[in-house]
N, C-alpha and C. Protein backbone atom coordinates (compact mmCIF):
# COMPACT_ATOMS: atom_id res chain seq x y z
N MET A 1 -10.31 14.27 5.77
CA MET A 1 -9.21 13.86 4.90
C MET A 1 -9.43 12.45 4.35
N ARG A 2 -10.09 11.56 5.16
CA ARG A 2 -10.28 10.19 4.70
C ARG A 2 -11.20 10.12 3.49
N THR A 3 -12.16 11.08 3.39
CA THR A 3 -13.12 11.04 2.29
C THR A 3 -12.63 11.80 1.06
N LEU A 4 -11.48 12.45 1.11
CA LEU A 4 -11.02 13.26 0.00
C LEU A 4 -10.70 12.43 -1.22
N LEU A 5 -9.95 11.33 -1.05
CA LEU A 5 -9.57 10.51 -2.19
C LEU A 5 -10.77 9.88 -2.89
N PRO A 6 -11.73 9.27 -2.15
CA PRO A 6 -12.91 8.73 -2.85
C PRO A 6 -13.70 9.79 -3.60
N LEU A 7 -13.85 10.99 -3.03
CA LEU A 7 -14.59 12.04 -3.71
C LEU A 7 -13.90 12.49 -4.98
N LEU A 8 -12.56 12.63 -4.95
CA LEU A 8 -11.82 13.00 -6.14
C LEU A 8 -11.96 11.94 -7.22
N LEU A 9 -11.89 10.68 -6.82
CA LEU A 9 -12.00 9.59 -7.79
C LEU A 9 -13.38 9.57 -8.43
N ILE A 10 -14.45 9.69 -7.62
CA ILE A 10 -15.80 9.65 -8.16
C ILE A 10 -16.04 10.80 -9.12
N SER A 11 -15.57 12.01 -8.77
CA SER A 11 -15.75 13.15 -9.65
C SER A 11 -15.02 12.98 -10.96
N THR A 12 -13.86 12.31 -10.94
CA THR A 12 -13.10 12.06 -12.17
C THR A 12 -13.78 11.02 -13.04
N LEU A 13 -14.27 9.94 -12.42
CA LEU A 13 -14.85 8.84 -13.18
C LEU A 13 -16.20 9.19 -13.78
N LEU A 14 -16.94 10.10 -13.16
CA LEU A 14 -18.30 10.37 -13.60
C LEU A 14 -18.42 11.60 -14.47
N THR A 15 -17.31 12.09 -15.02
CA THR A 15 -17.36 13.21 -15.96
C THR A 15 -17.99 12.75 -17.27
N PRO A 16 -18.49 13.65 -18.11
CA PRO A 16 -19.18 13.26 -19.35
C PRO A 16 -18.32 12.45 -20.31
N THR A 17 -17.00 12.53 -20.21
CA THR A 17 -16.15 11.80 -21.15
C THR A 17 -16.03 10.32 -20.79
N SER A 18 -16.69 9.88 -19.71
CA SER A 18 -16.54 8.50 -19.27
C SER A 18 -17.03 7.49 -20.29
N VAL A 19 -18.04 7.88 -21.10
CA VAL A 19 -18.63 6.93 -22.03
C VAL A 19 -17.60 6.45 -23.04
N GLY A 20 -16.77 7.37 -23.54
CA GLY A 20 -15.80 7.00 -24.55
C GLY A 20 -14.43 6.67 -24.01
N ALA A 21 -14.31 6.60 -22.69
CA ALA A 21 -13.01 6.38 -22.10
C ALA A 21 -12.66 4.89 -22.11
N GLN A 22 -11.38 4.61 -21.91
CA GLN A 22 -10.89 3.24 -21.87
C GLN A 22 -10.84 2.77 -20.42
N TRP A 23 -11.51 1.65 -20.13
CA TRP A 23 -11.58 1.11 -18.78
C TRP A 23 -10.78 -0.17 -18.69
N ALA A 24 -10.26 -0.46 -17.51
CA ALA A 24 -9.52 -1.69 -17.28
C ALA A 24 -9.68 -2.11 -15.82
N VAL A 25 -9.61 -3.42 -15.58
CA VAL A 25 -9.59 -3.96 -14.22
C VAL A 25 -8.42 -4.93 -14.13
N GLY A 26 -7.94 -5.18 -12.93
CA GLY A 26 -6.81 -6.08 -12.81
C GLY A 26 -6.54 -6.49 -11.38
N LEU A 27 -5.54 -7.37 -11.25
CA LEU A 27 -5.06 -7.85 -9.96
C LEU A 27 -3.58 -7.56 -9.84
N LEU A 28 -3.10 -7.43 -8.62
CA LEU A 28 -1.68 -7.14 -8.40
C LEU A 28 -1.22 -7.72 -7.07
N GLY A 29 0.09 -7.85 -6.95
CA GLY A 29 0.70 -8.32 -5.72
C GLY A 29 2.16 -7.91 -5.70
N GLY A 30 2.74 -7.84 -4.52
CA GLY A 30 4.12 -7.37 -4.45
C GLY A 30 4.83 -7.77 -3.17
N LEU A 31 6.14 -7.50 -3.19
CA LEU A 31 7.03 -7.73 -2.05
C LEU A 31 7.87 -6.48 -1.86
N GLY A 32 8.20 -6.17 -0.60
CA GLY A 32 9.01 -4.99 -0.38
C GLY A 32 9.54 -4.90 1.03
N GLN A 33 10.27 -3.81 1.27
CA GLN A 33 10.82 -3.50 2.59
C GLN A 33 10.07 -2.31 3.14
N ASP A 34 9.42 -2.50 4.28
CA ASP A 34 8.66 -1.43 4.90
C ASP A 34 9.54 -0.73 5.93
N HIS A 35 9.97 0.48 5.61
CA HIS A 35 10.84 1.23 6.52
C HIS A 35 10.05 1.88 7.65
N GLY A 36 8.73 2.03 7.48
CA GLY A 36 7.92 2.59 8.54
C GLY A 36 7.64 1.60 9.65
N TRP A 37 7.17 0.39 9.26
CA TRP A 37 6.89 -0.65 10.25
C TRP A 37 8.10 -1.53 10.50
N GLN A 38 9.18 -1.28 9.80
CA GLN A 38 10.49 -1.90 10.07
C GLN A 38 10.48 -3.41 9.85
N GLY A 39 10.24 -3.80 8.62
CA GLY A 39 10.28 -5.21 8.29
C GLY A 39 9.90 -5.47 6.85
N ARG A 40 10.10 -6.71 6.42
CA ARG A 40 9.67 -7.11 5.08
C ARG A 40 8.16 -7.27 5.05
N THR A 41 7.59 -6.98 3.89
CA THR A 41 6.14 -7.04 3.76
C THR A 41 5.75 -7.54 2.39
N SER A 42 4.52 -8.00 2.27
CA SER A 42 3.95 -8.40 0.98
C SER A 42 2.50 -7.97 0.95
N TRP A 43 1.93 -7.91 -0.25
CA TRP A 43 0.56 -7.43 -0.37
C TRP A 43 -0.09 -8.01 -1.62
N MET A 44 -1.42 -7.97 -1.64
CA MET A 44 -2.23 -8.33 -2.78
C MET A 44 -3.36 -7.32 -2.89
N GLY A 45 -3.89 -7.17 -4.12
CA GLY A 45 -4.97 -6.21 -4.27
C GLY A 45 -5.59 -6.26 -5.65
N ALA A 46 -6.47 -5.31 -5.90
CA ALA A 46 -7.17 -5.18 -7.17
C ALA A 46 -7.12 -3.73 -7.62
N LEU A 47 -7.32 -3.50 -8.91
CA LEU A 47 -7.26 -2.15 -9.45
C LEU A 47 -8.37 -1.92 -10.47
N VAL A 48 -8.73 -0.65 -10.61
CA VAL A 48 -9.62 -0.18 -11.67
C VAL A 48 -8.92 1.01 -12.31
N GLU A 49 -8.85 1.01 -13.65
CA GLU A 49 -8.19 2.11 -14.36
C GLU A 49 -9.14 2.71 -15.39
N ARG A 50 -8.91 3.98 -15.66
CA ARG A 50 -9.67 4.67 -16.69
C ARG A 50 -8.77 5.65 -17.44
N ARG A 51 -8.66 5.47 -18.75
CA ARG A 51 -7.95 6.45 -19.56
C ARG A 51 -8.84 7.67 -19.72
N LEU A 52 -8.25 8.85 -19.62
CA LEU A 52 -9.05 10.08 -19.58
C LEU A 52 -9.73 10.39 -20.91
N GLY A 53 -9.31 9.75 -21.99
CA GLY A 53 -9.95 9.98 -23.28
C GLY A 53 -9.12 9.36 -24.39
N ASP A 54 -9.75 9.22 -25.57
CA ASP A 54 -9.04 8.61 -26.69
C ASP A 54 -7.81 9.41 -27.11
N SER A 55 -7.84 10.72 -26.89
CA SER A 55 -6.71 11.56 -27.28
C SER A 55 -5.73 11.79 -26.15
N SER A 56 -5.96 11.18 -25.00
CA SER A 56 -5.11 11.40 -23.82
C SER A 56 -4.24 10.19 -23.56
N SER A 57 -3.03 10.45 -23.05
CA SER A 57 -2.13 9.37 -22.63
C SER A 57 -2.21 9.09 -21.14
N PHE A 58 -2.95 9.89 -20.41
CA PHE A 58 -3.01 9.76 -18.97
C PHE A 58 -4.09 8.76 -18.55
N VAL A 59 -3.75 7.94 -17.54
CA VAL A 59 -4.66 6.93 -17.01
C VAL A 59 -4.76 7.13 -15.50
N VAL A 60 -5.99 7.13 -14.96
CA VAL A 60 -6.22 7.22 -13.52
C VAL A 60 -6.42 5.80 -12.99
N ARG A 61 -5.72 5.47 -11.92
CA ARG A 61 -5.82 4.14 -11.31
C ARG A 61 -6.25 4.26 -9.85
N LEU A 62 -7.24 3.45 -9.48
CA LEU A 62 -7.61 3.26 -8.09
C LEU A 62 -7.27 1.83 -7.72
N SER A 63 -6.48 1.62 -6.68
CA SER A 63 -6.11 0.28 -6.25
C SER A 63 -6.38 0.14 -4.76
N GLY A 64 -6.86 -1.05 -4.38
CA GLY A 64 -7.06 -1.40 -2.99
C GLY A 64 -6.12 -2.53 -2.61
N LEU A 65 -5.47 -2.43 -1.45
CA LEU A 65 -4.44 -3.39 -1.06
C LEU A 65 -4.73 -3.98 0.32
N ALA A 66 -4.39 -5.26 0.45
CA ALA A 66 -4.40 -5.93 1.75
C ALA A 66 -3.00 -6.48 2.00
N PHE A 67 -2.38 -6.09 3.09
CA PHE A 67 -1.01 -6.50 3.42
C PHE A 67 -1.04 -7.73 4.31
N THR A 68 -0.04 -8.59 4.15
CA THR A 68 0.10 -9.71 5.07
C THR A 68 0.48 -9.16 6.45
N PRO A 69 -0.02 -9.76 7.53
CA PRO A 69 0.32 -9.27 8.87
C PRO A 69 1.83 -9.30 9.12
N MET A 70 2.32 -8.28 9.81
CA MET A 70 3.72 -8.21 10.20
C MET A 70 3.84 -8.44 11.71
N GLU A 71 4.99 -8.99 12.12
CA GLU A 71 5.25 -9.21 13.54
C GLU A 71 6.57 -8.54 13.92
N ARG A 72 6.58 -7.94 15.09
CA ARG A 72 7.80 -7.34 15.66
C ARG A 72 7.97 -7.85 17.08
N VAL A 73 9.20 -8.23 17.42
CA VAL A 73 9.54 -8.68 18.78
C VAL A 73 10.76 -7.90 19.25
N TYR A 74 10.68 -7.30 20.43
CA TYR A 74 11.78 -6.50 20.93
C TYR A 74 11.69 -6.42 22.46
N GLY A 75 12.77 -6.04 23.09
CA GLY A 75 12.81 -5.90 24.54
C GLY A 75 12.47 -4.48 24.97
N GLU A 76 11.82 -4.37 26.12
CA GLU A 76 11.43 -3.05 26.63
C GLU A 76 11.26 -3.13 28.14
N THR A 77 11.56 -2.04 28.84
CA THR A 77 11.33 -1.94 30.27
C THR A 77 9.95 -1.34 30.50
N VAL A 78 9.07 -2.13 31.11
CA VAL A 78 7.71 -1.69 31.38
C VAL A 78 7.65 -1.16 32.81
N VAL A 79 7.27 0.10 32.97
CA VAL A 79 7.22 0.75 34.28
C VAL A 79 5.84 0.58 34.87
N ALA A 80 5.77 0.28 36.17
CA ALA A 80 4.50 0.13 36.87
C ALA A 80 3.74 1.45 36.86
N ASP A 81 2.42 1.36 37.12
CA ASP A 81 1.58 2.56 37.10
C ASP A 81 2.03 3.61 38.10
N ASP A 82 2.59 3.17 39.24
CA ASP A 82 3.03 4.14 40.24
C ASP A 82 4.44 4.65 39.97
N GLY A 83 5.08 4.11 38.92
CA GLY A 83 6.40 4.59 38.53
C GLY A 83 7.54 4.10 39.38
N THR A 84 7.29 3.15 40.26
CA THR A 84 8.33 2.73 41.20
C THR A 84 9.05 1.46 40.76
N LEU A 85 8.55 0.74 39.78
CA LEU A 85 9.13 -0.54 39.42
C LEU A 85 9.18 -0.70 37.91
N GLY A 86 10.34 -1.11 37.41
CA GLY A 86 10.49 -1.39 35.99
C GLY A 86 10.71 -2.87 35.76
N VAL A 87 9.95 -3.46 34.85
CA VAL A 87 10.05 -4.89 34.57
C VAL A 87 10.57 -5.07 33.15
N GLU A 88 11.63 -5.89 33.02
CA GLU A 88 12.13 -6.21 31.68
C GLU A 88 11.15 -7.17 31.01
N ALA A 89 10.69 -6.80 29.82
CA ALA A 89 9.68 -7.59 29.13
C ALA A 89 10.03 -7.76 27.66
N VAL A 90 9.51 -8.83 27.09
CA VAL A 90 9.59 -9.06 25.66
C VAL A 90 8.27 -8.60 25.05
N MET A 91 8.34 -7.62 24.14
CA MET A 91 7.15 -7.06 23.52
C MET A 91 6.91 -7.73 22.17
N HIS A 92 5.68 -8.15 21.96
CA HIS A 92 5.29 -8.78 20.70
C HIS A 92 4.19 -7.95 20.07
N GLU A 93 4.40 -7.51 18.82
CA GLU A 93 3.41 -6.72 18.10
C GLU A 93 2.95 -7.47 16.85
N LEU A 94 1.64 -7.50 16.62
CA LEU A 94 1.05 -8.05 15.42
C LEU A 94 0.36 -6.90 14.70
N ILE A 95 0.78 -6.64 13.45
CA ILE A 95 0.35 -5.45 12.71
C ILE A 95 -0.43 -5.90 11.47
N GLY A 96 -1.70 -5.55 11.42
CA GLY A 96 -2.53 -5.82 10.25
C GLY A 96 -2.83 -4.52 9.52
N ARG A 97 -2.78 -4.55 8.17
CA ARG A 97 -2.91 -3.30 7.42
C ARG A 97 -3.72 -3.49 6.14
N GLY A 98 -4.32 -2.39 5.70
CA GLY A 98 -4.99 -2.32 4.42
C GLY A 98 -4.91 -0.89 3.93
N GLY A 99 -5.15 -0.66 2.65
CA GLY A 99 -5.07 0.69 2.15
C GLY A 99 -5.60 0.84 0.75
N ALA A 100 -5.61 2.07 0.27
CA ALA A 100 -6.05 2.39 -1.08
C ALA A 100 -5.17 3.49 -1.64
N THR A 101 -4.99 3.49 -2.96
CA THR A 101 -4.14 4.47 -3.64
C THR A 101 -4.82 4.97 -4.90
N VAL A 102 -4.75 6.27 -5.14
CA VAL A 102 -5.18 6.87 -6.40
C VAL A 102 -3.94 7.43 -7.09
N SER A 103 -3.69 6.98 -8.32
CA SER A 103 -2.48 7.38 -9.04
C SER A 103 -2.82 7.77 -10.48
N VAL A 104 -1.92 8.53 -11.08
CA VAL A 104 -2.01 8.87 -12.50
C VAL A 104 -0.83 8.21 -13.20
N ARG A 105 -1.13 7.47 -14.27
CA ARG A 105 -0.11 6.76 -15.04
C ARG A 105 0.10 7.46 -16.37
N TRP A 106 1.39 7.65 -16.74
CA TRP A 106 1.73 8.34 -17.99
C TRP A 106 2.85 7.58 -18.71
N PRO A 107 2.63 7.13 -19.95
CA PRO A 107 3.67 6.38 -20.68
C PRO A 107 4.76 7.30 -21.20
N PHE A 108 6.01 6.84 -21.15
CA PHE A 108 7.10 7.61 -21.75
C PHE A 108 7.85 6.80 -22.81
N LEU A 109 7.63 5.50 -22.88
CA LEU A 109 8.18 4.66 -23.95
C LEU A 109 7.08 3.67 -24.34
N THR A 110 6.29 4.01 -25.35
CA THR A 110 5.15 3.21 -25.72
C THR A 110 5.21 2.85 -27.20
N VAL A 111 4.93 1.59 -27.50
CA VAL A 111 4.93 1.10 -28.87
C VAL A 111 3.52 0.64 -29.23
N PRO A 112 2.82 1.34 -30.14
CA PRO A 112 1.50 0.85 -30.58
C PRO A 112 1.67 -0.43 -31.39
N CYS A 113 0.87 -1.45 -31.08
CA CYS A 113 0.97 -2.73 -31.76
C CYS A 113 -0.31 -3.00 -32.56
N GLU A 114 -0.24 -3.97 -33.41
CA GLU A 114 -1.38 -4.32 -34.24
C GLU A 114 -2.57 -4.72 -33.37
N GLY A 115 -3.74 -4.19 -33.75
CA GLY A 115 -4.94 -4.49 -32.99
C GLY A 115 -5.27 -3.47 -31.92
N GLY A 116 -4.45 -2.42 -31.78
CA GLY A 116 -4.73 -1.37 -30.81
C GLY A 116 -4.16 -1.60 -29.43
N TYR A 117 -3.27 -2.59 -29.28
CA TYR A 117 -2.67 -2.87 -27.98
C TYR A 117 -1.35 -2.11 -27.86
N HIS A 118 -0.99 -1.74 -26.62
CA HIS A 118 0.21 -0.94 -26.39
C HIS A 118 1.17 -1.68 -25.47
N ARG A 119 2.44 -1.50 -25.74
CA ARG A 119 3.50 -2.09 -24.94
C ARG A 119 4.56 -1.03 -24.67
N GLY A 120 5.11 -1.04 -23.47
CA GLY A 120 6.15 -0.07 -23.17
C GLY A 120 6.24 0.25 -21.70
N ALA A 121 6.91 1.36 -21.37
CA ALA A 121 7.18 1.77 -20.00
C ALA A 121 6.34 2.99 -19.63
N TYR A 122 6.22 3.22 -18.33
CA TYR A 122 5.43 4.35 -17.86
C TYR A 122 5.89 4.76 -16.46
N VAL A 123 5.48 5.94 -16.05
CA VAL A 123 5.72 6.42 -14.69
C VAL A 123 4.36 6.69 -14.04
N MET A 124 4.35 6.65 -12.72
CA MET A 124 3.12 6.88 -11.96
C MET A 124 3.41 7.78 -10.77
N ALA A 125 2.40 8.56 -10.39
CA ALA A 125 2.48 9.38 -9.18
C ALA A 125 1.08 9.51 -8.61
N GLY A 126 0.99 9.54 -7.29
CA GLY A 126 -0.32 9.66 -6.68
C GLY A 126 -0.23 9.76 -5.17
N ALA A 127 -1.35 9.45 -4.51
CA ALA A 127 -1.44 9.52 -3.05
C ALA A 127 -2.23 8.33 -2.54
N GLY A 128 -1.95 7.92 -1.32
CA GLY A 128 -2.62 6.76 -0.75
C GLY A 128 -2.99 6.97 0.70
N TRP A 129 -3.84 6.08 1.18
CA TRP A 129 -4.27 6.07 2.58
C TRP A 129 -4.06 4.67 3.12
N GLU A 130 -3.51 4.57 4.32
CA GLU A 130 -3.24 3.28 4.95
C GLU A 130 -3.85 3.25 6.34
N HIS A 131 -4.53 2.15 6.64
CA HIS A 131 -5.09 1.93 7.97
C HIS A 131 -4.41 0.70 8.58
N ALA A 132 -3.87 0.85 9.77
CA ALA A 132 -3.17 -0.24 10.45
C ALA A 132 -3.76 -0.44 11.84
N ARG A 133 -3.82 -1.72 12.24
CA ARG A 133 -4.26 -2.08 13.58
C ARG A 133 -3.13 -2.85 14.25
N VAL A 134 -2.66 -2.34 15.37
CA VAL A 134 -1.51 -2.92 16.08
C VAL A 134 -1.99 -3.52 17.39
N ARG A 135 -1.68 -4.80 17.58
CA ARG A 135 -1.97 -5.47 18.85
C ARG A 135 -0.65 -5.81 19.52
N GLN A 136 -0.44 -5.26 20.71
CA GLN A 136 0.83 -5.41 21.43
C GLN A 136 0.61 -6.20 22.73
N THR A 137 1.47 -7.18 22.97
CA THR A 137 1.46 -7.96 24.21
C THR A 137 2.87 -8.00 24.77
N GLY A 138 3.01 -7.69 26.06
CA GLY A 138 4.31 -7.73 26.72
C GLY A 138 4.38 -8.86 27.73
N TYR A 139 5.45 -9.65 27.67
CA TYR A 139 5.64 -10.79 28.57
C TYR A 139 6.85 -10.53 29.46
N ALA A 140 6.66 -10.69 30.76
CA ALA A 140 7.76 -10.48 31.71
C ALA A 140 8.81 -11.57 31.53
N VAL A 141 10.09 -11.16 31.60
CA VAL A 141 11.19 -12.10 31.42
C VAL A 141 11.64 -12.69 32.74
N ALA A 142 11.66 -11.90 33.80
CA ALA A 142 12.28 -12.32 35.06
C ALA A 142 11.33 -13.03 36.01
N GLN A 143 10.02 -13.07 35.71
CA GLN A 143 9.08 -13.64 36.65
C GLN A 143 8.20 -14.69 35.98
N PRO A 144 8.76 -15.83 35.61
CA PRO A 144 7.95 -16.88 34.98
C PRO A 144 7.00 -17.54 35.98
N VAL A 145 5.83 -17.91 35.50
CA VAL A 145 4.86 -18.64 36.31
C VAL A 145 4.56 -19.93 35.58
N GLY A 146 5.12 -21.04 36.06
CA GLY A 146 4.97 -22.29 35.35
C GLY A 146 5.67 -22.22 34.00
N PRO A 147 5.04 -22.78 32.96
CA PRO A 147 5.68 -22.79 31.64
C PRO A 147 5.53 -21.47 30.89
N GLU A 148 4.73 -20.54 31.42
CA GLU A 148 4.47 -19.30 30.72
C GLU A 148 4.96 -18.11 31.53
N SER A 149 5.19 -17.01 30.83
CA SER A 149 5.60 -15.78 31.50
C SER A 149 4.38 -14.93 31.85
N VAL A 150 4.59 -13.97 32.74
CA VAL A 150 3.52 -13.08 33.16
C VAL A 150 3.28 -12.03 32.08
N VAL A 151 2.01 -11.83 31.75
CA VAL A 151 1.65 -10.77 30.81
C VAL A 151 1.61 -9.46 31.58
N VAL A 152 2.47 -8.53 31.19
CA VAL A 152 2.55 -7.26 31.90
C VAL A 152 1.94 -6.11 31.11
N ARG A 153 1.62 -6.34 29.84
CA ARG A 153 0.97 -5.28 29.05
C ARG A 153 0.20 -5.89 27.90
N GLU A 154 -1.02 -5.41 27.70
CA GLU A 154 -1.82 -5.75 26.53
C GLU A 154 -2.55 -4.49 26.07
N ARG A 155 -2.37 -4.15 24.82
CA ARG A 155 -3.09 -2.99 24.30
C ARG A 155 -3.19 -3.08 22.78
N THR A 156 -4.17 -2.37 22.23
CA THR A 156 -4.41 -2.34 20.79
C THR A 156 -4.67 -0.89 20.38
N TRP A 157 -4.11 -0.50 19.24
CA TRP A 157 -4.36 0.84 18.73
C TRP A 157 -4.34 0.81 17.21
N THR A 158 -4.81 1.89 16.60
CA THR A 158 -4.85 2.01 15.15
C THR A 158 -4.04 3.21 14.70
N VAL A 159 -3.54 3.13 13.47
CA VAL A 159 -2.77 4.22 12.86
C VAL A 159 -3.31 4.45 11.45
N ASP A 160 -3.68 5.68 11.15
CA ASP A 160 -4.12 6.06 9.80
C ASP A 160 -3.15 7.09 9.24
N ARG A 161 -2.73 6.85 7.98
CA ARG A 161 -1.72 7.74 7.38
C ARG A 161 -2.07 8.02 5.92
N LEU A 162 -1.76 9.24 5.48
CA LEU A 162 -1.77 9.60 4.07
C LEU A 162 -0.33 9.58 3.57
N THR A 163 -0.08 8.94 2.44
CA THR A 163 1.27 8.82 1.91
C THR A 163 1.30 9.23 0.45
N GLY A 164 2.47 9.66 -0.01
CA GLY A 164 2.70 9.89 -1.43
C GLY A 164 3.18 8.62 -2.10
N HIS A 165 2.89 8.48 -3.39
CA HIS A 165 3.18 7.24 -4.10
C HIS A 165 3.83 7.56 -5.45
N ALA A 166 4.87 6.80 -5.80
CA ALA A 166 5.53 6.94 -7.09
C ALA A 166 5.96 5.56 -7.57
N ALA A 167 6.01 5.37 -8.91
CA ALA A 167 6.38 4.06 -9.45
C ALA A 167 6.89 4.24 -10.88
N VAL A 168 7.70 3.29 -11.30
CA VAL A 168 8.13 3.15 -12.69
C VAL A 168 7.76 1.74 -13.10
N GLY A 169 7.10 1.59 -14.26
CA GLY A 169 6.63 0.27 -14.65
C GLY A 169 6.76 0.01 -16.14
N ALA A 170 6.46 -1.22 -16.52
CA ALA A 170 6.46 -1.64 -17.92
C ALA A 170 5.33 -2.63 -18.11
N GLN A 171 4.67 -2.59 -19.29
CA GLN A 171 3.57 -3.49 -19.58
C GLN A 171 3.75 -4.10 -20.97
N TYR A 172 3.09 -5.26 -21.15
CA TYR A 172 3.13 -5.95 -22.43
C TYR A 172 1.70 -6.25 -22.84
N GLY A 173 1.15 -5.46 -23.76
CA GLY A 173 -0.24 -5.58 -24.13
C GLY A 173 -0.49 -6.69 -25.14
N THR A 174 -1.50 -7.51 -24.87
CA THR A 174 -1.93 -8.57 -25.77
C THR A 174 -3.46 -8.57 -25.83
N ARG A 175 -4.03 -9.40 -26.68
CA ARG A 175 -5.49 -9.49 -26.78
C ARG A 175 -6.11 -10.08 -25.52
N TRP A 176 -5.29 -10.75 -24.70
CA TRP A 176 -5.79 -11.35 -23.47
C TRP A 176 -5.58 -10.44 -22.26
N GLY A 177 -4.97 -9.28 -22.44
CA GLY A 177 -4.72 -8.38 -21.33
C GLY A 177 -3.26 -7.95 -21.30
N SER A 178 -2.91 -7.23 -20.25
CA SER A 178 -1.56 -6.66 -20.15
C SER A 178 -0.92 -7.03 -18.82
N PRO A 179 0.02 -7.97 -18.79
CA PRO A 179 0.83 -8.17 -17.58
C PRO A 179 1.76 -6.99 -17.41
N PHE A 180 2.08 -6.63 -16.17
CA PHE A 180 2.95 -5.48 -15.93
C PHE A 180 3.83 -5.73 -14.72
N LEU A 181 4.92 -4.98 -14.66
CA LEU A 181 5.90 -5.02 -13.57
C LEU A 181 6.20 -3.59 -13.15
N GLU A 182 6.20 -3.32 -11.85
CA GLU A 182 6.42 -1.97 -11.35
C GLU A 182 7.36 -1.96 -10.16
N VAL A 183 8.19 -0.93 -10.08
CA VAL A 183 9.00 -0.63 -8.90
C VAL A 183 8.30 0.48 -8.14
N GLN A 184 7.92 0.21 -6.88
CA GLN A 184 7.09 1.11 -6.10
C GLN A 184 7.89 1.82 -5.01
N MET A 185 7.44 3.04 -4.67
CA MET A 185 8.01 3.76 -3.52
C MET A 185 6.94 4.63 -2.90
N ASN A 186 6.80 4.54 -1.59
CA ASN A 186 5.88 5.39 -0.84
C ASN A 186 6.66 6.27 0.12
N ALA A 187 6.15 7.46 0.38
CA ALA A 187 6.78 8.38 1.33
C ALA A 187 5.70 9.06 2.14
N GLY A 188 6.01 9.31 3.42
CA GLY A 188 5.03 9.96 4.28
C GLY A 188 5.46 9.90 5.73
N PRO A 189 4.53 10.10 6.67
CA PRO A 189 4.86 10.05 8.10
C PRO A 189 5.14 8.62 8.56
N MET A 190 6.08 8.47 9.46
CA MET A 190 6.41 7.17 10.02
C MET A 190 5.35 6.78 11.06
N PRO A 191 4.95 5.52 11.11
CA PRO A 191 3.84 5.12 11.99
C PRO A 191 4.14 5.27 13.46
N TYR A 192 5.40 5.10 13.88
CA TYR A 192 5.72 5.20 15.30
C TYR A 192 6.05 6.63 15.73
N ASP A 193 6.23 7.50 14.75
CA ASP A 193 6.49 8.91 15.04
C ASP A 193 5.98 9.72 13.86
N THR A 194 4.70 10.12 13.91
CA THR A 194 4.08 10.79 12.77
C THR A 194 4.68 12.15 12.47
N GLY A 195 5.49 12.68 13.39
CA GLY A 195 6.19 13.92 13.11
C GLY A 195 7.44 13.73 12.27
N LEU A 196 7.85 12.47 12.09
CA LEU A 196 9.03 12.14 11.30
C LEU A 196 8.59 11.63 9.94
N TRP A 197 9.08 12.26 8.86
CA TRP A 197 8.70 11.90 7.49
C TRP A 197 9.88 11.27 6.78
N GLY A 198 9.58 10.39 5.82
CA GLY A 198 10.63 9.75 5.04
C GLY A 198 10.04 8.74 4.08
N ILE A 199 10.89 7.90 3.49
CA ILE A 199 10.45 6.83 2.60
C ILE A 199 9.93 5.69 3.45
N THR A 200 8.66 5.35 3.30
CA THR A 200 8.04 4.35 4.15
C THR A 200 8.05 2.95 3.54
N LEU A 201 8.10 2.84 2.21
CA LEU A 201 8.02 1.53 1.57
C LEU A 201 8.70 1.56 0.21
N VAL A 202 9.49 0.53 -0.06
CA VAL A 202 10.09 0.32 -1.39
C VAL A 202 9.83 -1.14 -1.75
N GLY A 203 9.33 -1.38 -2.97
CA GLY A 203 9.02 -2.75 -3.32
C GLY A 203 8.85 -2.97 -4.80
N LEU A 204 8.63 -4.24 -5.15
CA LEU A 204 8.44 -4.69 -6.53
C LEU A 204 7.03 -5.27 -6.64
N GLN A 205 6.32 -4.87 -7.69
CA GLN A 205 4.92 -5.26 -7.84
C GLN A 205 4.67 -5.88 -9.21
N LEU A 206 3.96 -7.01 -9.22
CA LEU A 206 3.53 -7.68 -10.44
C LEU A 206 2.02 -7.60 -10.55
N GLY A 207 1.52 -7.51 -11.78
CA GLY A 207 0.08 -7.44 -11.92
C GLY A 207 -0.39 -7.78 -13.33
N TYR A 208 -1.70 -7.78 -13.47
CA TYR A 208 -2.34 -8.06 -14.74
C TYR A 208 -3.58 -7.17 -14.85
N ARG A 209 -3.76 -6.54 -16.00
CA ARG A 209 -4.96 -5.73 -16.23
C ARG A 209 -5.64 -6.17 -17.54
N TYR A 210 -6.94 -6.14 -17.53
CA TYR A 210 -7.72 -6.41 -18.74
C TYR A 210 -8.40 -5.15 -19.19
N VAL A 211 -8.18 -4.74 -20.43
CA VAL A 211 -8.73 -3.50 -20.97
C VAL A 211 -10.01 -3.83 -21.76
N PHE A 212 -11.10 -3.18 -21.41
CA PHE A 212 -12.37 -3.44 -22.07
C PHE A 212 -12.49 -2.79 -23.44
N VAL A 213 -11.92 -1.60 -23.58
CA VAL A 213 -11.98 -0.88 -24.86
C VAL A 213 -10.56 -0.55 -25.27
N ARG A 214 -10.14 -1.05 -26.42
CA ARG A 214 -8.78 -0.78 -26.88
C ARG A 214 -8.66 0.69 -27.31
N ARG A 215 -7.46 1.21 -27.13
CA ARG A 215 -7.25 2.61 -27.49
C ARG A 215 -7.19 2.76 -29.00
């Protein structure tokens, strides 16, 4: 499943119509509320886009994202290995994430401008993959040793998820490129319970793309 998105993208980009297609590259960043990891989040990334042809309104976008690390702190009862003793502990989690998304962009309010540049609104839909690394440390509350508490748990694990992606955006095309604004939403399995599905992320994204060949 991890190799499916790259293979689909490569097969799309390397079709015979690629020579006459419109290409673009850009940067993006955003802020949002992560309902899966339960906290505010931000991200930065880069994108590559390709219009499917001069007569087509559809654009394929591949974007790679790096998220700022998230932290979670909460209380938990840690049970001993023999099951006979429970220790109240403060759990600290540090969550690092990265991901990639393949989407199709389609304009629904577009104004052709002089020079071949376009301005207007569009919708997007696609799928993404997210890789997360969680480092968890638990500190005992009731048994301090000197100025520090006893570490009662240390562990690290990874979470990989496929998510659906949707967005509504607007762009302003100029000879220097197209700044854009998008409202993003992701849906898929929740990281702490992959059997539970829902909206995992809602956010606002700003970006800039440079088009090499005008439409």
